[in-house]
Every structure is written in C-alpha cells, then in structure tokens.
C-alpha cells in the first residue's frame, strides 16, 4: 500500500469519525437508549448468574454436571448478545429516522463523501451497544469468578465469545444500515429488519447447540465450529459493507418519497432478459437462435461464477479425500467383497430392474436433485450467493471421501467409477452450472454492472437465471435422472460380471 493510499484511508476514517462522535453523543443523551443499556449491563448479568447457579445445581442433582458447566459460557454469550440487539434499533434509525425528523438534508449537504457518511453512521450504531455488551460480560464474569459457582473459564473460550459478540454486532448493524438506507419510512425499516434478526437468532441457537455438544468444548484452542461461524460472519460483514456502500446514494435517498411495486414492469424486464441473445437485450427470433446464441451469451457472462464454483467443488473433493485418509474416519468395510456377482444374484438384479424400478427412480432422482438446487438458489438470494457454495459442495466431499476409502484398499475402483460416471457426465456439469447461476444471482447486488442500479442488475440477472434453469438445467436434470436409473445400474451389473 502506497503512502498516498494510506493517507487517503486515514482521511476517510477521520472524516467518518466526525459523524460517529456526533451520533454517539446524541445516543448517550437519549434516556430511551441509556436505560436499556444500564439494565442490560448491570441487572441482566445478575439474572443470568442466578439462573446459571440454579440450573447447575438442578443438573448436578441428576449427575449431569458437564451440561451445567457448559450452560455458563452459553449464558455469557447471551449476556453479550442481548445488549447488541439495541444496535439493530439504532442502525435502523441511521438514515430513514433522520429523514423523517427532517435532519437528514443538512447532514447530506456536508462535503463528506458517501463512503465517509456510511462508515460514520455504521460505527455510531455499533459503539453504544458494544460498550453495553462488553460491560455486561465483564460484570457477569466477575460474578462467576467470585460467586458460588467459582467458574474458571478457558481463556480462549472467553476470547471466542467476545469475538463472536463483536462480529454479530457488525452483521446486525451493517445489515440494518443497508435496510435503513433503502427504505422510505421507519415502519418499513422495522418490518424489513426481520431479514436481519431472524437469521441472527438462528445463528445464536446454532452456537448454543455447539457449545453443549462440541467434542472440543474444553479445548485450550477454543471450539473449532465457532471459529468457522466467526469466519462466515466476517464474510457476511464484508458483503454487507460492500453492498451498502455501493447502493448508497444521497440524492436518491432524499428524492425517494414512496416505494412502489410495478409488477408489470418487473415481469416485462425479466421476460426481455429471458429472451435476450446479447447485452442490448435483443430478443431471439426463434427457439434455435435462443438456444445457440442466447445460451452461449448467458454462459459467457457466467464465466467468473463458473470458475469460482469449480474451484470450490475441487476443494470440497480434495477435503473429502483428506478426511478419508485419517485413520479414525476410515470405514470398517471390506471393499474386496465388491468384486463379482454370481449368476443367481445377477438374475435377481435383472428382475428388479425390469419391475418398474426405472420409472419410479427417474422421478425420485430428478425431484431430489431439483429440490437441492432450488434450495441453493433460494437461499443464495438472501446470502449474497454464499449458500449456493455451502449446500451443493457437500456431495463432492462425500465423493472424495468414498474415493479415498476405495483407493486405500485398491479394490472396487472400477465399480465406483461405473456407479458415478455414466450419469455423472451430465449431472456434474449440471450441478456446476446451476450452482454458478445461483451464486451469480445472489452476488450481483454486491457489484452491479456499470450504468445499472442494483434493482436493474438483479432483475436482468434473474431473467437470465430463469433462462438457464428452464432451457438448460431442467433438460439436463431429467436426462441425468434417466441415465442414473436406466444406464448406470446396467453398467454396474456389467462391471460385476453379470449378464
């Protein structure tokens, strides 16, 4: 980083802190903010300590001391989480609240840049709740160290909980600031806040389950799954910041008075993107041109997403191979039995294949693959495309694991290949393309193309995604299911030596 860029970042941060100091002073002057902070800092930790003591004594009476002990760090996390929930309220007020109070125009008329305004508002919404959160956890820890429980936590576990609280506050604040900058009323912002608080509540529930069930809960290096969650939330923070700073526009914020839904215009733009064969949105004159030129144009625009998807799938496959090489993860299975099949078994197998198995299997396989891909698509819309790279790579971890088990024994490799390759030549590219389309649809809001708003970019990408799903993924899905139901079992039977 050059000296000029460092100086630029220092100036940006210094200007942003002007807004932060002003907002924090105003927050600490408002008793409606101070009162919950004081209560959650001093009274809630005492309540949590009382609950921890009673719950631990109750479980000890039934011989479940370990569960009682693990309740204490869970309550420490809850003591830290409740104060940062105030950050959601403050963040939702950052822009739309000032707009309703008519104090936004003087602020936006300052010479500060959009980035400086956005960073300053984000920090101001986060600092008071974090001060309350850290204070509450400190009070709770003091009561545990000197109270009747006399809990001596692992230092790294306490560090983990503090870091988790911080990144949770960052996720909630950055998400809420995005909502506040894109709505026209506080009522609408509060309703849209459910898209922030509900996923975060689910994350906290998942963290609590991990604290109780993690095999490395007593590790001096912390709980591994919590480190992974922390990394995921940091990624979400970066994406929220990028989205918020990209779509923040002071002129649009002042000029927008009412949000309107024009379904006719929306579906018209989707239909145009669905039929387009070039960047100008030229409609395809016939089905042949739509398939040859339109599909090639859309797949070309997906090159980056396809490259990222292939890289993630390779990493997942290699990860499965690595896990399979660990002695404690090897299957207690003798792969030498996967050698041949005797004539009577081959006869039974052929009769089974001819008993209507294929027709039932085609529908089941197509529906199962379709559900997974559809879930990845829907979840990617609300996760900037991240969930598309979480759900679908799981199958490649399993494939890598199975391949590792087979390679260890040196037998059964031909059988595994016969069970995967006949339909895999269609199914694997289908999954790659579908995952890339979901990734692109979710991630397009983080960096819309030049001369396009976020809404225009998402609408056009949605139309292109429908084009890929209907014109390419659906036929490949059905064809792969037919191959897996009809061809793959017979190839497996042939490899086993059956007729």
Protein backbone atom coordinates (compact mmCIF):
# COMPACT_ATOMS: atom_id res chain seq x y z
CA UNK A 1 0.00 0.00 0.00
CA UNK A 2 1.42 3.35 -1.02
CA UNK A 3 1.75 6.37 1.25
CA UNK A 4 -0.95 8.16 -0.76
CA UNK A 5 -3.46 5.35 -0.29
CA UNK A 6 -2.68 5.12 3.44
CA UNK A 7 -3.20 8.87 3.77
CA UNK A 8 -6.47 8.62 1.84
CA UNK A 9 -7.76 5.91 4.16
CA UNK A 10 -6.72 7.93 7.23
CA UNK A 11 -8.55 10.98 5.92
CA UNK A 12 -11.64 8.90 5.14
CA UNK A 13 -11.68 7.39 8.62
CA UNK A 14 -11.03 10.75 10.28
CA UNK A 15 -13.97 12.32 8.42
CA UNK A 16 -16.18 9.33 9.21
CA UNK A 17 -15.36 9.64 12.91
CA UNK A 18 -16.77 13.17 12.86
CA UNK A 19 -20.18 11.66 12.13
CA UNK A 20 -19.56 8.88 14.65
CA UNK A 21 -18.77 11.26 17.51
CA UNK A 22 -21.87 13.33 16.78
CA UNK A 23 -24.13 10.28 16.66
CA UNK A 24 -22.69 8.67 19.80
CA UNK A 25 -23.10 11.91 21.80
CA UNK A 26 -26.74 12.12 20.68
CA UNK A 27 -27.31 8.47 21.60
CA UNK A 28 -25.95 8.88 25.12
CA UNK A 29 -28.18 11.92 25.65
CA UNK A 30 -31.33 9.87 24.93
CA UNK A 31 -32.64 8.17 28.09
CA UNK A 32 -34.55 5.66 25.93
CA UNK A 33 -31.19 4.30 24.81
CA UNK A 34 -29.32 4.76 28.11
CA UNK A 35 -31.96 2.97 30.23
CA UNK A 36 -31.83 -0.37 28.33
CA UNK A 37 -28.03 -0.19 28.23
CA UNK A 38 -27.82 0.22 32.01
CA UNK A 39 -30.35 -2.53 32.66
CA UNK A 40 -28.68 -4.99 30.31
CA UNK A 41 -25.21 -4.12 31.62
CA UNK A 42 -25.85 -4.50 35.36
CA UNK A 43 -29.17 -6.24 36.01
CA UNK A 44 -29.27 -8.85 33.27
CA UNK A 45 -25.86 -10.38 34.23
CA UNK A 46 -27.13 -10.80 37.79
CA UNK A 47 -30.22 -12.57 36.48
CA UNK A 48 -28.06 -14.79 34.26
CA UNK A 49 -25.80 -15.66 37.20
CA UNK A 50 -28.82 -16.62 39.32
CA UNK A 51 -30.21 -18.81 36.51
CA UNK A 52 -26.81 -20.44 35.96
CA UNK A 53 -26.46 -21.28 39.65
CA UNK A 54 -29.96 -22.75 39.97
CA UNK A 55 -29.69 -24.68 36.68
CA UNK A 56 -26.26 -26.06 37.55
CA UNK A 57 -27.48 -27.22 40.98
CA UNK A 58 -30.52 -28.86 39.40
CA UNK A 59 -28.44 -30.78 36.85
CA UNK A 60 -25.83 -31.76 39.42
CA UNK A 61 -28.59 -33.50 41.37
CA UNK A 62 -29.16 -35.74 38.36
CA UNK A 63 -25.46 -36.38 37.69
CA UNK A 64 -25.25 -34.07 34.64
CA UNK A 65 -22.53 -31.73 35.88
CA UNK A 66 -20.97 -31.34 32.42
CA UNK A 67 -24.20 -29.90 30.98
CA UNK A 68 -24.44 -27.49 33.89
CA UNK A 69 -20.85 -26.36 33.33
CA UNK A 70 -21.48 -25.75 29.64
CA UNK A 71 -24.55 -23.66 30.48
CA UNK A 72 -22.30 -20.98 31.95
CA UNK A 73 -20.44 -19.99 28.72
CA UNK A 74 -23.76 -20.18 26.87
CA UNK A 75 -25.27 -17.63 29.26
CA UNK A 76 -22.14 -15.50 28.90
CA UNK A 77 -22.82 -15.39 25.17
CA UNK A 78 -26.48 -14.48 25.78
CA UNK A 79 -25.45 -11.72 28.20
CA UNK A 80 -23.31 -10.29 25.41
CA UNK A 81 -25.93 -10.80 22.69
CA UNK A 82 -28.91 -9.04 24.26
CA UNK A 83 -27.27 -5.59 24.50
CA UNK A 84 -26.17 -5.69 20.87
CA UNK A 85 -29.79 -6.22 19.87
CA UNK A 86 -30.14 -2.49 20.67
CA UNK A 87 -27.77 -1.87 17.75
CA UNK A 88 -30.49 -3.03 15.38
CA UNK A 89 -32.83 -0.28 16.58
CA UNK A 90 -30.14 2.40 16.37
CA UNK A 91 -28.97 1.24 12.94
CA UNK A 92 -32.49 1.25 11.54
CA UNK A 93 -32.75 4.92 12.55
CA UNK A 94 -29.48 5.96 10.92
CA UNK A 95 -30.88 7.30 7.66
CA UNK A 96 -34.62 6.81 7.46
CA UNK A 97 -35.12 8.07 11.03
CA UNK A 98 -33.23 11.28 10.29
CA UNK A 99 -35.19 11.65 7.08
CA UNK A 100 -38.49 11.52 8.97
CA UNK A 101 -37.16 14.01 11.56
CA UNK A 102 -36.08 16.32 8.70
CA UNK A 103 -32.47 16.36 9.92
CA UNK A 104 -31.03 14.39 7.02
CA UNK A 105 -30.77 17.22 4.47
CA UNK A 106 -28.16 19.26 6.44
CA UNK A 107 -26.12 16.10 7.01
CA UNK A 108 -26.14 15.10 3.35
CA UNK A 109 -25.23 18.62 2.27
CA UNK A 110 -21.86 18.35 4.02
CA UNK A 111 -18.73 17.83 1.88
CA UNK A 112 -18.32 14.30 3.27
CA UNK A 113 -18.30 11.52 0.70
CA UNK A 114 -20.87 8.73 0.60
CA UNK A 115 -18.29 6.28 1.98
CA UNK A 116 -17.43 8.57 4.91
CA UNK A 117 -21.10 9.09 5.74
CA UNK A 118 -21.80 5.38 5.55
CA UNK A 119 -18.82 4.32 7.70
CA UNK A 120 -19.53 7.03 10.28
CA UNK A 121 -23.17 6.04 10.63
CA UNK A 122 -22.28 2.34 10.87
CA UNK A 123 -19.72 2.89 13.64
CA UNK A 124 -22.09 5.16 15.56
CA UNK A 125 -24.80 2.49 15.57
CA UNK A 126 -22.39 -0.15 16.83
CA UNK A 127 -20.35 1.57 19.57
CA UNK A 128 -23.00 2.11 22.32
CA UNK A 129 -24.41 -1.46 22.17
CA UNK A 130 -20.90 -2.95 22.14
CA UNK A 131 -19.93 -0.89 25.19
CA UNK A 132 -23.01 -2.29 26.95
CA UNK A 133 -22.25 -5.81 25.75
CA UNK A 134 -18.64 -5.78 26.92
CA UNK A 135 -19.69 -4.24 30.22
CA UNK A 136 -22.35 -6.87 30.79
CA UNK A 137 -19.97 -9.73 30.05
CA UNK A 138 -17.36 -8.20 32.37
CA UNK A 139 -19.89 -7.91 35.22
CA UNK A 140 -21.08 -11.48 34.60
CA UNK A 141 -17.52 -12.85 34.59
CA UNK A 142 -16.75 -11.06 37.86
CA UNK A 143 -19.84 -12.56 39.46
CA UNK A 144 -18.84 -16.03 38.27
CA UNK A 145 -15.24 -15.76 39.45
CA UNK A 146 -16.20 -14.70 42.95
CA UNK A 147 -19.72 -16.15 43.28
CA UNK A 148 -20.95 -19.53 44.38
CA UNK A 149 -20.15 -21.16 41.03
CA UNK A 150 -16.46 -20.16 41.07
CA UNK A 151 -16.16 -20.82 37.35
CA UNK A 152 -12.65 -20.69 35.85
CA UNK A 153 -13.12 -20.48 32.09
CA UNK A 154 -10.59 -21.38 29.44
CA UNK A 155 -9.15 -18.04 28.29
CA UNK A 156 -9.60 -18.88 24.61
CA UNK A 157 -13.29 -19.67 25.12
CA UNK A 158 -13.85 -16.23 26.63
CA UNK A 159 -11.96 -14.66 23.73
CA UNK A 160 -14.16 -16.61 21.31
CA UNK A 161 -17.36 -15.38 22.93
CA UNK A 162 -16.15 -11.76 22.90
CA UNK A 163 -15.17 -12.02 19.23
CA UNK A 164 -18.48 -13.71 18.36
CA UNK A 165 -20.37 -10.89 20.07
CA UNK A 166 -18.38 -8.32 18.10
CA UNK A 167 -18.94 -9.90 14.68
CA UNK A 168 -22.63 -10.48 15.48
CA UNK A 169 -22.96 -6.78 16.23
CA UNK A 170 -21.18 -5.98 12.95
CA UNK A 171 -23.51 -8.25 10.96
CA UNK A 172 -26.64 -6.79 12.54
CA UNK A 173 -25.50 -3.19 12.18
CA UNK A 174 -24.25 -3.44 8.60
CA UNK A 175 -27.39 -5.28 7.54
CA UNK A 176 -29.70 -2.83 9.31
CA UNK A 177 -27.88 0.20 7.84
CA UNK A 178 -28.42 -1.24 4.35
CA UNK A 179 -32.14 -1.59 5.17
CA UNK A 180 -32.31 1.95 6.60
CA UNK A 181 -30.68 3.48 3.53
CA UNK A 182 -33.10 1.77 1.14
CA UNK A 183 -36.46 2.32 2.86
CA UNK A 184 -38.69 5.38 2.98
CA UNK A 185 -40.16 5.02 6.49
CA UNK A 186 -39.18 3.71 9.91
CA UNK A 187 -42.17 1.35 9.82
CA UNK A 188 -40.93 -0.26 6.62
CA UNK A 189 -37.40 -0.49 8.04
CA UNK A 190 -38.67 -2.24 11.18
CA UNK A 191 -40.57 -4.77 9.10
CA UNK A 192 -37.57 -5.49 6.88
CA UNK A 193 -35.38 -5.87 9.97
CA UNK A 194 -36.76 -9.40 10.33
CA UNK A 195 -34.41 -10.39 7.50
CA UNK A 196 -31.56 -9.47 9.87
CA UNK A 197 -32.75 -10.54 13.31
CA UNK A 198 -34.28 -13.92 12.35
CA UNK A 199 -31.13 -15.33 10.68
CA UNK A 200 -29.02 -13.97 13.55
CA UNK A 201 -31.30 -15.61 16.12
CA UNK A 202 -30.92 -18.91 14.27
CA UNK A 203 -27.14 -18.47 14.30
CA UNK A 204 -27.19 -17.90 18.07
CA UNK A 205 -29.28 -21.05 18.52
CA UNK A 206 -26.78 -22.99 16.45
CA UNK A 207 -23.92 -21.61 18.53
CA UNK A 208 -25.68 -22.68 21.73
CA UNK A 209 -26.09 -26.23 20.42
CA UNK A 210 -22.40 -26.30 19.50
CA UNK A 211 -21.40 -25.13 22.98
CA UNK A 212 -23.33 -28.00 24.56
CA UNK A 213 -22.40 -30.78 22.10
CA UNK A 214 -18.97 -29.86 20.69
CA UNK A 215 -16.39 -32.57 21.46
CA UNK A 216 -13.70 -29.89 21.74
CA UNK A 217 -15.67 -27.70 24.16
CA UNK A 218 -12.87 -27.94 26.73
CA UNK A 219 -10.05 -27.43 24.22
CA UNK A 220 -7.49 -24.74 25.12
CA UNK A 221 -7.70 -23.56 21.49
CA UNK A 222 -11.43 -22.88 21.55
CA UNK A 223 -14.30 -24.62 19.77
CA UNK A 224 -13.44 -25.21 16.11
CA UNK A 225 -17.02 -24.84 14.85
CA UNK A 226 -17.32 -21.41 16.48
CA UNK A 227 -14.17 -20.25 14.66
CA UNK A 228 -15.80 -21.37 11.39
CA UNK A 229 -19.02 -19.48 12.20
CA UNK A 230 -16.95 -16.41 13.01
CA UNK A 231 -15.22 -16.52 9.63
CA UNK A 232 -18.58 -16.89 7.88
CA UNK A 233 -20.00 -13.85 9.68
CA UNK A 234 -16.92 -11.79 8.83
CA UNK A 235 -17.55 -12.63 5.16
CA UNK A 236 -21.17 -11.51 5.63
CA UNK A 237 -19.98 -8.21 7.16
CA UNK A 238 -17.68 -7.53 4.20
CA UNK A 239 -20.51 -8.27 1.77
CA UNK A 240 -22.95 -6.03 3.68
CA UNK A 241 -20.43 -3.19 3.72
CA UNK A 242 -19.78 -3.60 0.02
CA UNK A 243 -23.48 -3.69 -0.81
CA UNK A 244 -24.34 -0.76 1.42
CA UNK A 245 -21.55 1.46 0.15
CA UNK A 246 -22.30 0.52 -3.46
CA UNK A 247 -26.01 1.27 -3.40
CA UNK A 248 -25.89 4.26 -1.02
CA UNK A 249 -26.81 7.40 -2.94
CA UNK A 250 -27.62 10.63 -1.10
CA UNK A 251 -29.58 12.17 -4.00
CA UNK A 252 -31.80 9.08 -4.30
CA UNK A 253 -32.22 8.93 -0.53
CA UNK A 254 -33.55 12.47 -0.45
CA UNK A 255 -35.66 12.20 -3.58
CA UNK A 256 -37.40 8.87 -2.88
CA UNK A 257 -40.67 9.53 -1.05
CA UNK A 258 -42.64 6.32 -1.65
CA UNK A 259 -41.71 2.78 -2.56
CA UNK A 260 -43.83 1.45 -5.41
CA UNK A 261 -44.13 -2.05 -6.82
CA UNK A 262 -44.66 -2.19 -10.57
CA UNK A 263 -45.13 -5.90 -11.27
CA UNK A 264 -45.89 -5.35 -14.93
CA UNK A 265 -42.62 -3.50 -15.46
CA UNK A 266 -40.70 -6.10 -13.42
CA UNK A 267 -42.03 -9.11 -15.35
CA UNK A 268 -41.51 -7.25 -18.61
CA UNK A 269 -37.82 -6.77 -17.83
CA UNK A 270 -37.48 -10.40 -16.72
CA UNK A 271 -39.10 -11.60 -19.95
CA UNK A 272 -36.77 -9.39 -22.00
CA UNK A 273 -33.71 -10.81 -20.23
CA UNK A 274 -35.10 -14.32 -20.65
CA UNK A 275 -35.33 -13.88 -24.45
CA UNK A 276 -32.15 -11.84 -24.89
CA UNK A 277 -29.25 -13.05 -27.01
CA UNK A 278 -26.86 -10.15 -26.41
CA UNK A 279 -26.01 -7.36 -23.98
CA UNK A 280 -28.50 -4.99 -25.62
CA UNK A 281 -31.39 -7.33 -24.80
CA UNK A 282 -32.15 -8.26 -28.42
CA UNK A 283 -34.91 -10.90 -28.34
CA UNK A 284 -34.32 -14.26 -30.03
CA UNK A 285 -36.40 -14.63 -33.23
CA UNK A 286 -36.82 -18.39 -32.77
CA UNK A 287 -36.01 -21.26 -30.43
CA UNK A 288 -32.86 -22.30 -32.31
CA UNK A 289 -31.29 -18.85 -32.05
CA UNK A 290 -32.36 -18.67 -28.40
CA UNK A 291 -30.55 -21.91 -27.64
CA UNK A 292 -27.44 -21.38 -29.76
CA UNK A 293 -26.79 -17.68 -29.23
CA UNK A 294 -28.81 -16.87 -26.12
CA UNK A 295 -27.42 -19.72 -24.01
CA UNK A 296 -23.88 -19.09 -25.20
CA UNK A 297 -24.21 -15.39 -24.32
CA UNK A 298 -25.54 -16.10 -20.81
CA UNK A 299 -22.98 -18.84 -20.10
CA UNK A 300 -20.25 -16.45 -21.22
CA UNK A 301 -21.46 -13.90 -18.67
CA UNK A 302 -21.27 -16.62 -16.01
CA UNK A 303 -17.58 -17.44 -16.60
CA UNK A 304 -16.41 -15.96 -13.29
CA UNK A 305 -19.15 -17.66 -11.29
CA UNK A 306 -18.46 -20.99 -13.01
CA UNK A 307 -14.74 -20.67 -12.26
CA UNK A 308 -15.40 -19.96 -8.57
CA UNK A 309 -17.85 -22.87 -8.38
CA UNK A 310 -15.40 -25.34 -9.94
CA UNK A 311 -12.66 -24.20 -7.56
CA UNK A 312 -14.95 -24.68 -4.52
CA UNK A 313 -16.04 -28.12 -5.76
CA UNK A 314 -12.41 -29.19 -6.23
CA UNK A 315 -11.58 -28.00 -2.73
CA UNK A 316 -14.58 -29.95 -1.38
CA UNK A 317 -13.49 -33.10 -3.24
CA UNK A 318 -9.92 -32.78 -2.00
CA UNK A 319 -11.24 -32.19 1.51
CA UNK A 320 -13.22 -35.42 1.28
CA UNK A 321 -10.08 -37.24 0.14
CA UNK A 322 -8.12 -35.83 3.06
CA UNK A 323 -10.79 -36.79 5.60
CA UNK A 324 -10.92 -40.31 4.20
CA UNK A 325 -7.18 -40.73 4.77
CA UNK A 326 -7.49 -40.13 8.51
CA UNK A 327 -7.41 -43.47 10.36
CA UNK A 328 -10.24 -42.52 12.71
CA UNK A 329 -12.52 -41.72 9.75
CA UNK A 330 -11.96 -44.88 7.71
CA UNK A 331 -14.94 -47.13 7.16
CA UNK A 332 -14.89 -50.59 8.79
CA UNK A 333 -15.83 -52.14 5.47
CA UNK A 334 -14.11 -54.79 3.38
CA UNK A 335 -14.10 -53.44 -0.18
CA UNK A 336 -12.84 -56.74 -1.53
CA UNK A 337 -16.43 -58.01 -1.48
CA UNK A 338 -17.15 -55.57 -4.34
CA UNK A 339 -15.57 -57.93 -6.78
CA UNK A 340 -18.01 -60.08 -8.73
CA UNK A 341 -21.63 -61.16 -8.65
CA UNK A 342 -22.81 -64.74 -9.08
CA UNK A 343 -25.43 -65.74 -11.71
CA UNK A 344 -28.29 -66.06 -9.22
CA UNK A 345 -27.64 -62.58 -7.87
CA UNK A 346 -27.45 -61.22 -11.43
CA UNK A 347 -30.83 -62.79 -12.21
CA UNK A 348 -32.42 -61.17 -9.16
CA UNK A 349 -30.84 -57.85 -10.07
CA UNK A 350 -32.18 -58.03 -13.66
CA UNK A 351 -35.67 -58.91 -12.43
CA UNK A 352 -35.56 -55.94 -10.07
CA UNK A 353 -34.54 -53.60 -12.88
CA UNK A 354 -37.37 -54.86 -15.03
CA UNK A 355 -40.09 -54.45 -12.39
CA UNK A 356 -40.82 -50.76 -12.98
CA UNK A 357 -37.82 -49.64 -10.98
CA UNK A 358 -36.62 -47.21 -13.64
CA UNK A 359 -39.85 -45.24 -13.87
CA UNK A 360 -40.03 -44.72 -10.11
CA UNK A 361 -36.33 -43.95 -9.80
CA UNK A 362 -36.38 -41.30 -12.55
CA UNK A 363 -38.98 -39.21 -10.75
CA UNK A 364 -37.34 -39.65 -7.36
CA UNK A 365 -33.83 -38.76 -8.53
CA UNK A 366 -34.98 -35.76 -10.59
CA UNK A 367 -37.09 -34.45 -7.71
CA UNK A 368 -34.30 -34.93 -5.17
CA UNK A 369 -31.67 -33.15 -7.27
CA UNK A 370 -34.17 -30.44 -8.17
CA UNK A 371 -35.04 -29.76 -4.53
CA UNK A 372 -31.38 -29.33 -3.58
CA UNK A 373 -30.64 -26.99 -6.48
CA UNK A 374 -33.83 -24.98 -5.87
CA UNK A 375 -32.99 -24.63 -2.16
CA UNK A 376 -29.49 -23.45 -3.05
CA UNK A 377 -30.98 -20.88 -5.46
CA UNK A 378 -33.50 -19.51 -2.98
CA UNK A 379 -31.03 -19.33 -0.09
CA UNK A 380 -28.39 -17.70 -2.27
CA UNK A 381 -30.72 -14.76 -2.90
CA UNK A 382 -30.67 -13.93 0.82
CA UNK A 383 -26.99 -14.75 1.40
CA UNK A 384 -25.26 -12.93 -1.49
CA UNK A 385 -24.74 -16.32 -3.16
CA UNK A 386 -22.83 -17.83 -0.24
CA UNK A 387 -25.35 -20.61 0.48
CA UNK A 388 -25.07 -21.87 -3.09
CA UNK A 389 -21.46 -22.73 -2.25
CA UNK A 390 -22.45 -24.37 1.05
CA UNK A 391 -25.24 -26.78 0.10
CA UNK A 392 -24.11 -28.23 -3.22
CA UNK A 393 -20.40 -28.94 -2.48
CA UNK A 394 -21.42 -31.45 0.22
CA UNK A 395 -21.87 -34.17 -2.41
CA UNK A 396 -18.29 -33.67 -3.60
CA UNK A 397 -16.99 -34.06 -0.07
CA UNK A 398 -18.82 -37.40 0.06
CA UNK A 399 -17.47 -38.43 -3.34
CA UNK A 400 -13.95 -37.57 -2.29
CA UNK A 401 -14.40 -39.50 0.94
CA UNK A 402 -15.70 -42.60 -0.86
CA UNK A 403 -12.94 -42.41 -3.47
CA UNK A 404 -10.38 -42.21 -0.66
CA UNK A 405 -11.81 -45.31 1.01
CA UNK A 406 -11.72 -47.27 -2.23
CA UNK A 407 -8.23 -46.09 -3.15
CA UNK A 408 -6.93 -47.18 0.25
CA UNK A 409 -7.83 -50.82 -0.41
CA UNK A 410 -7.01 -50.78 -4.13
CA UNK A 411 -10.21 -52.65 -4.97
CA UNK A 412 -13.63 -51.53 -6.07
CA UNK A 413 -12.38 -48.54 -8.08
CA UNK A 414 -13.96 -49.84 -11.30
CA UNK A 415 -17.27 -50.36 -9.53
CA UNK A 416 -17.31 -46.85 -8.04
CA UNK A 417 -16.47 -45.38 -11.46
CA UNK A 418 -19.26 -47.39 -13.05
CA UNK A 419 -21.70 -46.14 -10.41
CA UNK A 420 -20.83 -42.46 -10.99
CA UNK A 421 -19.54 -41.77 -14.49
CA UNK A 422 -22.47 -42.94 -16.74
CA UNK A 423 -24.80 -40.27 -15.39
CA UNK A 424 -22.09 -38.05 -13.88
CA UNK A 425 -21.01 -36.77 -17.31
CA UNK A 426 -24.36 -34.93 -17.39
CA UNK A 427 -25.12 -34.46 -13.70
CA UNK A 428 -21.80 -32.94 -12.64
CA UNK A 429 -21.79 -30.14 -15.29
CA UNK A 430 -25.47 -29.55 -14.49
CA UNK A 431 -24.72 -29.02 -10.79
CA UNK A 432 -21.79 -26.72 -11.65
CA UNK A 433 -23.89 -24.55 -13.97
CA UNK A 434 -26.88 -24.43 -11.59
CA UNK A 435 -24.67 -23.51 -8.62
CA UNK A 436 -22.89 -20.84 -10.65
CA UNK A 437 -26.24 -19.35 -11.70
CA UNK A 438 -27.39 -19.24 -8.06
CA UNK A 439 -24.09 -17.70 -6.98
CA UNK A 440 -24.31 -15.03 -9.66
CA UNK A 441 -27.93 -14.17 -8.82
CA UNK A 442 -27.10 -13.71 -5.14
CA UNK A 443 -23.81 -11.88 -5.62
CA UNK A 444 -24.84 -9.45 -8.36
CA UNK A 445 -26.13 -6.96 -5.76
CA UNK A 446 -22.64 -6.62 -4.29
CA UNK A 447 -21.26 -5.25 -7.55
CA UNK A 448 -23.86 -4.29 -10.15
CA UNK A 449 -22.62 -3.71 -13.72
CA UNK A 450 -21.76 -0.20 -14.83
CA UNK A 451 -24.69 2.09 -15.64
CA UNK A 452 -27.11 -0.23 -13.83
CA UNK A 453 -28.82 0.19 -10.48
CA UNK A 454 -28.94 -2.75 -8.08
CA UNK A 455 -32.59 -3.39 -8.94
CA UNK A 456 -31.96 -3.33 -12.68
CA UNK A 457 -28.94 -5.63 -12.37
CA UNK A 458 -30.81 -8.13 -10.20
CA UNK A 459 -33.87 -8.14 -12.46
CA UNK A 460 -31.79 -8.77 -15.59
CA UNK A 461 -29.76 -11.49 -13.84
CA UNK A 462 -32.97 -13.11 -12.57
CA UNK A 463 -34.26 -13.31 -16.14
CA UNK A 464 -31.00 -14.87 -17.31
CA UNK A 465 -31.11 -17.33 -14.40
CA UNK A 466 -34.60 -18.44 -15.43
CA UNK A 467 -33.28 -18.88 -18.97
CA UNK A 468 -30.52 -21.20 -17.72
CA UNK A 469 -32.84 -23.13 -15.39
CA UNK A 470 -35.59 -23.75 -17.94
CA UNK A 471 -33.53 -24.08 -21.09
CA UNK A 472 -30.52 -25.96 -19.77
CA UNK A 473 -30.76 -27.23 -16.19
CA UNK A 474 -34.24 -28.78 -16.45
CA UNK A 475 -33.45 -30.92 -19.55
CA UNK A 476 -30.10 -31.95 -18.07
CA UNK A 477 -31.81 -32.80 -14.78
CA UNK A 478 -34.28 -35.15 -16.46
CA UNK A 479 -31.66 -36.68 -18.77
CA UNK A 480 -29.26 -37.32 -15.87
CA UNK A 481 -32.07 -38.97 -13.89
CA UNK A 482 -32.87 -41.25 -16.86
CA UNK A 483 -29.22 -42.25 -17.22
CA UNK A 484 -28.85 -42.86 -13.48
CA UNK A 485 -31.98 -45.02 -13.38
CA UNK A 486 -31.60 -46.94 -16.64
CA UNK A 487 -27.97 -46.97 -17.74
CA UNK A 488 -25.93 -46.78 -14.52
CA UNK A 489 -27.39 -49.94 -12.87
CA UNK A 490 -26.70 -51.98 -16.01
CA UNK A 491 -23.13 -50.69 -16.27
CA UNK A 492 -22.61 -51.63 -12.64
CA UNK A 493 -24.03 -55.09 -13.32
CA UNK A 494 -21.70 -55.49 -16.30
CA UNK A 495 -18.66 -54.46 -14.24
CA UNK A 496 -19.63 -57.00 -11.59
CA UNK A 497 -19.66 -59.74 -14.21
CA UNK A 498 -23.41 -60.11 -14.60
CA UNK A 499 -25.06 -60.58 -17.98
